[in-house]
N, C-alpha and C. Protein backbone atom coordinates (compact mmCIF):
# COMPACT_ATOMS: atom_id res chain seq x y z
N MET A 1 146.91 85.35 100.73
CA MET A 1 146.81 83.62 101.01
C MET A 1 146.37 83.26 99.80
N TYR A 2 145.30 83.60 98.94
CA TYR A 2 144.72 82.85 97.97
C TYR A 2 145.77 82.77 96.66
N ASN A 3 146.67 83.84 96.56
CA ASN A 3 147.67 83.96 95.78
C ASN A 3 148.61 82.82 95.69
N LYS A 4 148.78 82.15 97.15
CA LYS A 4 149.84 81.24 96.68
C LYS A 4 149.47 79.81 96.26
N PRO A 5 150.11 79.31 95.46
CA PRO A 5 149.72 78.15 94.54
C PRO A 5 149.35 77.05 95.71
N LEU A 6 148.33 76.19 95.20
CA LEU A 6 147.78 75.17 96.01
C LEU A 6 148.35 73.79 95.36
N MET A 7 148.65 72.69 96.00
CA MET A 7 148.80 71.62 95.55
C MET A 7 147.66 70.65 95.52
N PHE A 8 147.26 69.96 94.43
CA PHE A 8 145.65 69.73 94.43
C PHE A 8 145.87 67.92 94.47
N THR A 9 145.15 67.42 95.24
CA THR A 9 145.06 65.92 95.24
C THR A 9 144.04 65.59 94.45
N VAL A 10 143.65 64.06 93.99
CA VAL A 10 142.56 63.67 93.10
C VAL A 10 141.33 64.05 94.03
N GLY A 11 141.36 64.06 95.21
CA GLY A 11 140.20 64.23 96.13
C GLY A 11 139.65 65.57 95.62
N MET A 12 140.46 66.68 96.04
CA MET A 12 140.18 67.89 95.57
C MET A 12 139.82 68.29 94.14
N LEU A 13 140.23 67.58 93.48
CA LEU A 13 139.77 67.96 92.11
C LEU A 13 138.44 67.22 91.79
N ALA A 14 138.27 66.29 92.49
CA ALA A 14 136.84 65.60 92.37
C ALA A 14 135.84 66.54 92.98
N ASP A 15 136.23 67.10 94.33
CA ASP A 15 135.27 68.06 95.14
C ASP A 15 134.94 69.47 93.89
N MET A 16 136.14 69.77 93.37
CA MET A 16 136.27 71.00 92.79
C MET A 16 135.14 70.61 91.27
N THR A 17 135.38 69.78 90.68
CA THR A 17 134.67 69.26 89.48
C THR A 17 133.31 68.66 89.63
N GLY A 18 133.15 67.91 90.53
CA GLY A 18 131.94 67.23 90.88
C GLY A 18 132.24 65.58 90.13
N GLY A 19 133.58 65.27 89.55
CA GLY A 19 133.97 64.40 89.12
C GLY A 19 133.99 62.88 89.95
N ASN A 20 134.15 62.03 89.59
CA ASN A 20 134.54 60.71 90.04
C ASN A 20 135.89 60.79 90.38
N LYS A 21 136.44 60.28 91.63
CA LYS A 21 137.64 60.15 92.10
C LYS A 21 138.51 59.06 91.55
N GLN A 22 137.80 57.70 91.18
CA GLN A 22 138.72 56.65 90.62
C GLN A 22 138.99 57.24 89.06
N TYR A 23 137.84 57.73 88.38
CA TYR A 23 138.16 58.06 87.08
C TYR A 23 139.24 59.06 87.04
N LEU A 24 139.29 60.12 87.84
CA LEU A 24 140.14 61.27 87.86
C LEU A 24 141.63 60.65 88.16
N SER A 25 141.63 59.67 89.18
CA SER A 25 142.87 59.18 89.47
C SER A 25 143.48 58.34 88.25
N LYS A 26 142.79 57.75 87.34
CA LYS A 26 143.21 57.11 86.43
C LYS A 26 143.51 58.36 85.30
N LYS A 27 142.88 59.14 84.99
CA LYS A 27 143.00 60.02 84.20
C LYS A 27 144.41 60.84 84.70
N VAL A 28 144.70 61.20 85.87
CA VAL A 28 146.02 61.73 86.38
C VAL A 28 147.09 61.06 85.98
N LYS A 29 146.95 59.72 86.15
CA LYS A 29 147.98 58.72 85.82
C LYS A 29 148.34 58.63 84.03
N GLU A 30 147.35 58.74 83.84
CA GLU A 30 147.54 58.94 81.98
C GLU A 30 147.99 60.15 81.50
N LEU A 31 148.00 61.15 82.33
CA LEU A 31 148.58 62.59 81.90
C LEU A 31 149.91 62.40 82.16
N ILE A 32 150.12 61.74 83.24
CA ILE A 32 151.69 62.02 83.76
C ILE A 32 152.44 61.34 83.14
N TYR A 33 151.87 59.83 82.46
CA TYR A 33 152.87 58.97 81.67
C TYR A 33 152.65 59.22 80.17
N ASN A 34 151.65 60.07 79.70
CA ASN A 34 151.54 60.38 78.29
C ASN A 34 152.81 61.36 77.93
N SER A 35 153.46 60.88 76.74
CA SER A 35 154.56 61.70 76.75
C SER A 35 154.45 62.97 76.24
N GLU A 36 153.19 62.99 75.28
CA GLU A 36 153.08 64.38 74.77
C GLU A 36 152.53 65.62 75.97
N ILE A 37 151.88 65.00 76.83
CA ILE A 37 151.57 65.95 77.98
C ILE A 37 152.45 66.27 79.05
N ASN A 38 152.76 65.01 79.55
CA ASN A 38 153.83 65.06 80.54
C ASN A 38 153.53 65.79 81.59
N MET A 39 152.45 65.46 82.57
CA MET A 39 152.03 66.15 83.55
C MET A 39 152.90 66.10 84.58
N GLN A 40 153.33 67.25 85.33
CA GLN A 40 154.34 67.13 86.48
C GLN A 40 153.33 66.98 87.96
N ALA A 41 153.71 65.89 88.48
CA ALA A 41 153.10 65.64 89.77
C ALA A 41 153.67 64.72 90.63
N GLU A 42 153.59 64.92 91.97
CA GLU A 42 154.85 64.22 92.86
C GLU A 42 153.73 63.29 93.61
N LEU A 43 154.35 62.02 93.62
CA LEU A 43 153.39 61.11 94.21
C LEU A 43 153.87 60.95 95.67
N LYS A 44 152.93 61.48 96.83
CA LYS A 44 153.04 61.27 98.13
C LYS A 44 153.30 59.95 98.54
N SER A 45 152.34 59.32 98.41
CA SER A 45 152.27 57.69 99.00
C SER A 45 151.01 57.15 98.06
N ASN A 46 151.22 55.72 97.98
CA ASN A 46 150.22 55.13 97.64
C ASN A 46 148.92 55.40 98.01
N ARG A 47 148.81 55.62 99.30
CA ARG A 47 147.63 55.92 99.87
C ARG A 47 147.08 57.22 99.66
N GLU A 48 147.82 58.27 99.84
CA GLU A 48 147.67 59.76 99.53
C GLU A 48 147.36 60.02 98.08
N GLY A 49 148.15 59.44 97.24
CA GLY A 49 147.94 59.59 95.98
C GLY A 49 148.84 60.76 95.39
N TYR A 50 148.57 61.53 94.23
CA TYR A 50 149.45 62.56 93.63
C TYR A 50 148.99 63.69 94.22
N ARG A 51 149.92 64.47 94.24
CA ARG A 51 150.06 66.15 94.43
C ARG A 51 150.13 66.90 93.13
N ILE A 52 149.12 67.78 92.70
CA ILE A 52 149.69 68.22 91.43
C ILE A 52 149.37 69.66 91.67
N PRO A 53 150.61 70.49 91.02
CA PRO A 53 150.66 71.81 91.06
C PRO A 53 149.33 72.48 90.20
N GLU A 54 149.06 73.76 90.76
CA GLU A 54 147.83 74.47 90.29
C GLU A 54 147.97 74.54 88.75
N SER A 55 149.28 75.02 88.33
CA SER A 55 149.61 75.12 87.10
C SER A 55 149.23 74.21 86.16
N GLU A 56 149.55 73.12 86.72
CA GLU A 56 149.53 71.77 86.18
C GLU A 56 148.11 71.25 85.78
N VAL A 57 147.51 71.71 86.72
CA VAL A 57 145.86 71.44 86.64
C VAL A 57 145.48 72.03 85.62
N ILE A 58 145.76 73.60 85.69
CA ILE A 58 145.01 74.32 84.50
C ILE A 58 145.74 74.01 83.12
N ARG A 59 146.94 73.70 82.87
CA ARG A 59 147.55 73.30 81.83
C ARG A 59 146.71 71.98 81.26
N CYS A 60 146.61 70.91 82.03
CA CYS A 60 146.12 69.56 81.68
C CYS A 60 144.85 69.59 81.70
N PHE A 61 143.98 69.95 82.37
CA PHE A 61 142.52 69.88 82.33
C PHE A 61 141.83 71.12 81.60
N ASP A 62 141.37 70.66 80.48
CA ASP A 62 140.80 71.72 79.49
C ASP A 62 139.45 72.51 80.24
N ASN A 63 138.84 71.68 80.89
CA ASN A 63 137.44 71.95 81.59
C ASN A 63 137.64 72.74 82.91
N ILE A 64 138.70 73.10 83.40
CA ILE A 64 139.03 73.58 84.68
C ILE A 64 139.38 75.08 84.39
N THR A 65 139.03 76.10 85.04
CA THR A 65 139.66 77.43 84.55
C THR A 65 140.13 77.98 85.79
N LYS A 66 140.79 79.05 85.55
CA LYS A 66 141.43 79.72 86.71
C LYS A 66 140.66 80.31 87.48
N GLU A 67 139.50 80.68 87.36
CA GLU A 67 138.24 81.34 88.03
C GLU A 67 137.85 80.15 88.91
N GLN A 68 137.61 78.77 88.50
CA GLN A 68 137.27 77.82 89.19
C GLN A 68 138.22 77.39 90.29
N ILE A 69 139.44 77.46 90.04
CA ILE A 69 140.89 77.15 91.06
C ILE A 69 140.54 78.21 91.96
N ASP A 70 140.46 79.61 91.78
CA ASP A 70 140.33 80.57 92.50
C ASP A 70 139.23 80.50 93.30
N GLU A 71 138.22 80.10 93.09
CA GLU A 71 136.84 79.81 93.89
C GLU A 71 137.09 78.71 94.68
N TYR A 72 137.79 77.76 94.25
CA TYR A 72 138.16 76.61 95.20
C TYR A 72 138.95 76.90 96.45
N LYS A 73 140.13 77.51 95.81
CA LYS A 73 141.03 77.98 96.68
C LYS A 73 140.41 78.78 98.07
N ARG A 74 139.39 79.66 97.84
CA ARG A 74 139.00 80.59 98.58
C ARG A 74 137.92 79.76 99.61
N LYS A 75 137.25 78.75 98.94
CA LYS A 75 136.38 77.89 99.86
C LYS A 75 137.09 77.07 100.83
N TYR A 76 138.56 76.62 100.07
CA TYR A 76 139.47 75.46 100.63
C TYR A 76 140.07 76.30 102.06
N TYR A 77 140.41 77.71 101.79
CA TYR A 77 141.22 78.22 102.96
C TYR A 77 140.23 78.75 104.01
N ALA A 78 138.81 78.83 103.55
CA ALA A 78 138.04 79.34 104.52
C ALA A 78 137.20 78.16 105.42
N MET A 79 137.54 77.03 105.01
CA MET A 79 137.09 75.80 105.71
C MET A 79 137.57 75.94 106.97
N ASP A 80 136.53 75.55 108.01
CA ASP A 80 136.88 75.35 109.69
C ASP A 80 137.72 74.25 109.63
N THR A 81 137.45 73.03 109.00
CA THR A 81 137.96 71.43 109.30
C THR A 81 138.78 71.36 108.07
N SER A 82 139.68 70.41 108.20
CA SER A 82 140.46 69.87 107.25
C SER A 82 139.38 68.90 106.13
N PRO A 83 139.81 68.70 105.07
CA PRO A 83 139.02 67.99 104.16
C PRO A 83 138.87 66.46 104.56
N LYS A 84 139.67 65.97 105.39
CA LYS A 84 139.62 64.54 105.72
C LYS A 84 138.19 64.61 106.98
N VAL A 85 138.33 65.73 107.91
CA VAL A 85 137.28 65.62 108.97
C VAL A 85 136.01 65.86 108.20
N ARG A 86 136.06 66.80 107.01
CA ARG A 86 134.82 67.14 106.26
C ARG A 86 134.21 66.02 105.64
N LYS A 87 135.24 65.13 104.94
CA LYS A 87 134.50 63.95 104.56
C LYS A 87 134.16 62.69 105.48
N LEU A 88 134.76 62.76 106.83
CA LEU A 88 134.11 61.87 107.74
C LEU A 88 132.73 62.34 108.04
N ASN A 89 132.38 63.68 108.14
CA ASN A 89 131.06 64.22 108.52
C ASN A 89 130.06 63.93 107.39
N GLU A 90 130.39 63.92 106.30
CA GLU A 90 129.67 63.56 105.19
C GLU A 90 129.31 62.18 104.99
N GLN A 91 130.29 61.18 105.39
CA GLN A 91 130.07 59.62 105.56
C GLN A 91 129.07 59.56 106.57
N LYS A 92 129.26 60.18 107.82
CA LYS A 92 128.09 60.09 108.98
C LYS A 92 126.92 60.31 108.31
N GLU A 93 126.64 61.67 107.68
CA GLU A 93 125.27 61.94 107.13
C GLU A 93 124.62 60.86 106.22
N GLN A 94 125.91 60.38 105.52
CA GLN A 94 125.26 59.37 104.44
C GLN A 94 124.81 58.14 105.31
N SER A 95 125.45 57.49 106.32
CA SER A 95 124.85 56.30 107.03
C SER A 95 123.74 56.52 107.47
N GLU A 96 123.47 57.87 108.06
CA GLU A 96 122.02 57.97 108.34
C GLU A 96 121.10 57.84 107.66
N ASN A 97 121.22 57.94 106.34
CA ASN A 97 119.96 57.95 105.38
C ASN A 97 119.98 56.50 104.95
N PHE A 98 120.69 55.57 105.32
CA PHE A 98 120.24 54.16 105.30
C PHE A 98 119.23 53.72 106.54
N PHE A 99 118.14 54.13 106.58
CA PHE A 99 117.04 53.84 107.55
C PHE A 99 117.02 52.31 107.89
N LEU A 100 117.19 51.99 109.21
CA LEU A 100 117.05 50.53 109.68
C LEU A 100 117.77 49.54 108.80
N GLN A 101 118.81 49.86 108.48
CA GLN A 101 120.03 49.24 107.63
C GLN A 101 120.40 48.11 108.38
N LYS A 102 120.47 48.29 109.66
CA LYS A 102 121.31 47.35 110.61
C LYS A 102 120.24 46.28 110.93
N GLU A 103 119.02 46.57 111.24
CA GLU A 103 117.68 45.98 111.64
C GLU A 103 117.49 44.74 110.23
N ASN A 104 117.62 45.60 109.01
CA ASN A 104 117.02 44.36 108.13
C ASN A 104 118.15 43.66 107.65
N GLU A 105 119.49 44.09 108.02
CA GLU A 105 120.57 42.89 107.90
C GLU A 105 120.17 41.84 108.97
N ILE A 106 119.58 42.23 109.95
CA ILE A 106 119.56 41.14 111.26
C ILE A 106 118.41 40.00 110.90
N LEU A 107 117.31 40.65 109.84
CA LEU A 107 116.29 39.90 109.40
C LEU A 107 116.58 38.87 108.08
N THR A 108 117.75 39.34 107.47
CA THR A 108 118.25 38.27 106.46
C THR A 108 119.48 37.57 106.68
N GLU A 109 120.11 37.73 108.03
CA GLU A 109 121.30 37.18 108.28
C GLU A 109 121.07 35.45 108.28
N TRP A 110 120.05 35.05 108.93
CA TRP A 110 119.70 33.64 108.89
C TRP A 110 119.58 33.15 107.42
N LYS A 111 118.76 33.73 106.80
CA LYS A 111 119.00 33.13 105.30
C LYS A 111 120.25 33.08 104.57
N ILE A 112 120.99 33.70 104.90
CA ILE A 112 122.68 33.86 104.36
C ILE A 112 123.36 32.50 104.81
N ARG A 113 123.28 32.50 106.16
CA ARG A 113 123.77 31.31 106.83
C ARG A 113 123.24 30.13 106.54
N LEU A 114 121.85 29.73 106.26
CA LEU A 114 121.14 28.61 105.82
C LEU A 114 121.53 28.45 104.46
N ALA A 115 121.63 29.28 103.59
CA ALA A 115 122.12 29.02 102.20
C ALA A 115 123.32 28.55 102.10
N SER A 116 124.34 29.03 103.03
CA SER A 116 125.96 28.68 103.04
C SER A 116 126.14 27.46 103.75
N ALA A 117 125.13 26.94 104.03
CA ALA A 117 125.41 25.49 104.96
C ALA A 117 125.14 24.39 104.08
N THR A 118 125.85 23.15 104.48
CA THR A 118 125.61 22.25 103.42
C THR A 118 124.32 21.20 104.02
N GLN A 119 124.03 20.35 103.17
CA GLN A 119 122.37 19.85 103.35
C GLN A 119 122.67 19.14 105.02
N GLU A 120 123.84 18.47 105.29
CA GLU A 120 123.78 18.06 106.94
C GLU A 120 123.73 18.90 107.82
N GLU A 121 124.29 20.10 107.52
CA GLU A 121 124.40 21.32 108.54
C GLU A 121 122.95 21.85 108.94
N LYS A 122 122.22 21.75 107.50
CA LYS A 122 120.89 22.38 107.52
C LYS A 122 119.90 21.50 108.32
N ASN A 123 120.06 20.42 108.51
CA ASN A 123 119.29 19.39 109.28
C ASN A 123 119.83 19.09 110.61
N SER A 124 121.00 19.96 111.07
CA SER A 124 121.54 19.44 112.37
C SER A 124 120.85 20.24 113.36
N PRO A 125 120.87 19.53 114.62
CA PRO A 125 120.35 20.22 115.87
C PRO A 125 120.84 21.64 116.06
N GLN A 126 122.10 21.98 115.83
CA GLN A 126 122.68 23.24 115.91
C GLN A 126 122.20 24.12 114.99
N MET A 127 121.52 23.67 113.79
CA MET A 127 120.99 24.68 113.00
C MET A 127 119.54 25.16 113.55
N TYR A 128 118.93 24.04 114.03
CA TYR A 128 117.54 24.41 114.71
C TYR A 128 117.52 25.15 115.86
N GLU A 129 118.80 25.07 116.79
CA GLU A 129 118.80 25.88 117.89
C GLU A 129 119.07 27.19 117.41
N TYR A 130 120.16 27.37 116.12
CA TYR A 130 120.45 28.84 115.66
C TYR A 130 119.09 29.26 115.36
N LEU A 131 118.35 28.61 114.36
CA LEU A 131 117.10 29.22 113.95
C LEU A 131 116.15 29.91 115.00
N GLU A 132 116.06 29.20 115.93
CA GLU A 132 115.11 29.47 117.43
C GLU A 132 115.74 30.67 117.92
N GLN A 133 116.83 30.69 118.01
CA GLN A 133 117.91 32.13 118.62
C GLN A 133 117.06 33.16 117.54
N GLU A 134 117.66 32.84 116.55
CA GLU A 134 117.29 34.12 115.46
C GLU A 134 115.79 34.41 115.38
N LEU A 135 114.87 33.79 115.71
CA LEU A 135 113.17 33.66 115.81
C LEU A 135 113.24 34.73 116.88
N ASN A 136 113.52 34.44 118.11
CA ASN A 136 113.58 35.23 119.54
C ASN A 136 114.12 36.57 119.22
N LYS A 137 115.50 36.59 118.47
CA LYS A 137 115.95 38.01 118.22
C LYS A 137 115.15 38.75 117.52
N ILE A 138 114.36 38.09 116.20
CA ILE A 138 113.51 38.99 115.53
C ILE A 138 112.13 39.21 116.03
N GLN A 139 111.66 38.73 116.76
CA GLN A 139 110.56 38.86 117.53
C GLN A 139 110.93 39.95 118.63
N LEU A 140 112.19 40.01 119.36
CA LEU A 140 112.19 41.01 120.33
C LEU A 140 112.66 42.30 119.39
N LEU A 141 113.17 42.52 118.52
CA LEU A 141 113.47 43.53 117.49
C LEU A 141 112.01 43.98 117.29
N LYS A 142 110.98 43.18 116.69
CA LYS A 142 109.70 43.56 116.26
C LYS A 142 109.22 44.40 117.41
N GLU A 143 109.19 43.70 118.62
CA GLU A 143 108.70 44.57 119.95
C GLU A 143 109.08 45.78 120.04
N ALA A 144 110.46 45.86 119.93
CA ALA A 144 111.22 47.07 120.46
C ALA A 144 110.63 48.32 119.21
N LYS A 145 110.62 47.81 118.16
CA LYS A 145 110.23 48.70 116.99
C LYS A 145 108.79 49.26 117.13
N LEU A 146 107.79 48.33 117.70
CA LEU A 146 106.47 48.69 117.84
C LEU A 146 106.53 49.63 118.88
N LYS A 147 107.27 49.40 120.00
CA LYS A 147 107.35 50.31 121.14
C LYS A 147 107.70 51.97 120.66
N GLU A 148 108.68 51.68 119.62
CA GLU A 148 109.11 52.69 119.20
C GLU A 148 108.24 53.56 118.14
N TYR A 149 107.26 52.73 117.66
CA TYR A 149 106.25 53.33 116.58
C TYR A 149 105.23 53.82 117.44
N VAL A 150 104.80 53.20 118.49
CA VAL A 150 103.70 53.81 119.53
C VAL A 150 104.15 55.16 119.94
N MET A 151 105.44 55.06 120.17
CA MET A 151 105.94 56.40 121.09
C MET A 151 105.93 57.45 119.84
N LEU A 152 106.42 56.99 118.52
CA LEU A 152 106.40 57.94 117.44
C LEU A 152 104.86 58.83 117.34
N GLU A 153 104.20 57.67 117.20
CA GLU A 153 102.67 58.06 117.00
C GLU A 153 101.98 59.10 118.22
N MET A 154 102.40 58.76 119.31
CA MET A 154 102.03 59.87 120.48
C MET A 154 102.58 61.24 120.24
N PHE A 155 103.80 61.29 119.83
CA PHE A 155 104.66 62.46 119.62
C PHE A 155 103.85 63.24 118.40
N ILE A 156 103.54 62.49 117.44
CA ILE A 156 103.03 63.02 116.26
C ILE A 156 101.63 63.85 116.70
N GLU A 157 100.98 62.79 117.50
CA GLU A 157 99.57 63.55 117.86
C GLU A 157 99.63 64.53 118.73
N ASN A 158 100.74 64.63 119.81
CA ASN A 158 101.14 65.96 120.51
C ASN A 158 101.44 67.07 119.83
N CYS A 159 102.31 66.79 118.51
CA CYS A 159 102.49 67.87 117.80
C CYS A 159 101.19 68.46 116.97
N ASP A 160 100.37 67.66 116.52
CA ASP A 160 99.24 68.17 115.78
C ASP A 160 98.31 68.91 116.89
N LYS A 161 98.28 68.41 118.54
CA LYS A 161 97.51 69.53 119.27
C LYS A 161 98.28 70.84 119.50
N MET A 162 99.38 70.56 119.51
CA MET A 162 100.08 72.03 119.92
C MET A 162 100.11 72.99 118.32
N ILE A 163 100.05 72.21 117.27
CA ILE A 163 99.83 73.33 116.26
C ILE A 163 98.51 73.67 116.01
N ASP A 164 97.43 72.96 116.42
CA ASP A 164 95.76 73.26 116.30
C ASP A 164 95.87 74.56 117.62
N SER A 165 96.43 74.12 118.63
CA SER A 165 96.45 75.15 119.73
C SER A 165 96.96 76.47 119.37
N ILE A 166 98.33 76.42 118.73
CA ILE A 166 98.82 77.75 118.37
C ILE A 166 97.98 78.46 117.44
N GLN A 167 97.22 77.47 116.37
CA GLN A 167 96.61 78.20 115.18
C GLN A 167 95.21 78.86 115.91
N ASN A 168 94.66 78.01 116.78
CA ASN A 168 93.58 78.75 117.51
C ASN A 168 94.13 80.11 118.18
N LYS A 169 95.05 80.16 118.69
CA LYS A 169 95.41 81.25 119.62
C LYS A 169 95.66 82.48 118.39
N LEU A 170 96.20 82.04 117.30
CA LEU A 170 96.61 83.20 116.31
C LEU A 170 95.20 83.60 115.39
N LYS A 171 94.37 82.64 115.44
CA LYS A 171 92.78 83.02 114.98
C LYS A 171 92.20 83.98 115.93
N ASN A 172 92.34 83.66 117.25
CA ASN A 172 91.79 84.41 118.01
C ASN A 172 92.13 85.82 118.23
N LYS A 173 93.51 86.03 117.88
CA LYS A 173 94.16 87.08 118.22
C LYS A 173 93.46 88.21 117.12
N ASN A 174 93.11 87.75 115.97
CA ASN A 174 92.61 88.58 114.86
C ASN A 174 91.10 88.38 114.94
């Protein structure tokens, strides 16, 4: 199964080398149109990009070895999910890293709207009504986050109590 040649995409090359997809995409195009190198690749579609045979990857990329390709193929064929599903999971994990991003956007939304308004719009009754609505929305958001904070503090206190209780039981055992 691993002996079968694999058609590489730019995304697969980026995964294998840790490189930047945009840079690699430009590099692949350069190698294809360079008359000295004349890399052979097939364009699937503008969205999917080029498919590059394994032999061409080895021939045209000096820093990629046959061992690296074999290792990548082993991992690729062992994957439970397709690369697209894996990429979606990575994006989900990445979005969780942006703590309170949505809430912070709500806090600054009114500034953006006010900055983009003309002087007449800034002094209009509609703008004052909008600002009052934003004020209420931010106050409600603050109250909700305070409740979450109190619940989190209580949870942390319970964790500390359980840790102390378990440590005491372990001490008494000895």
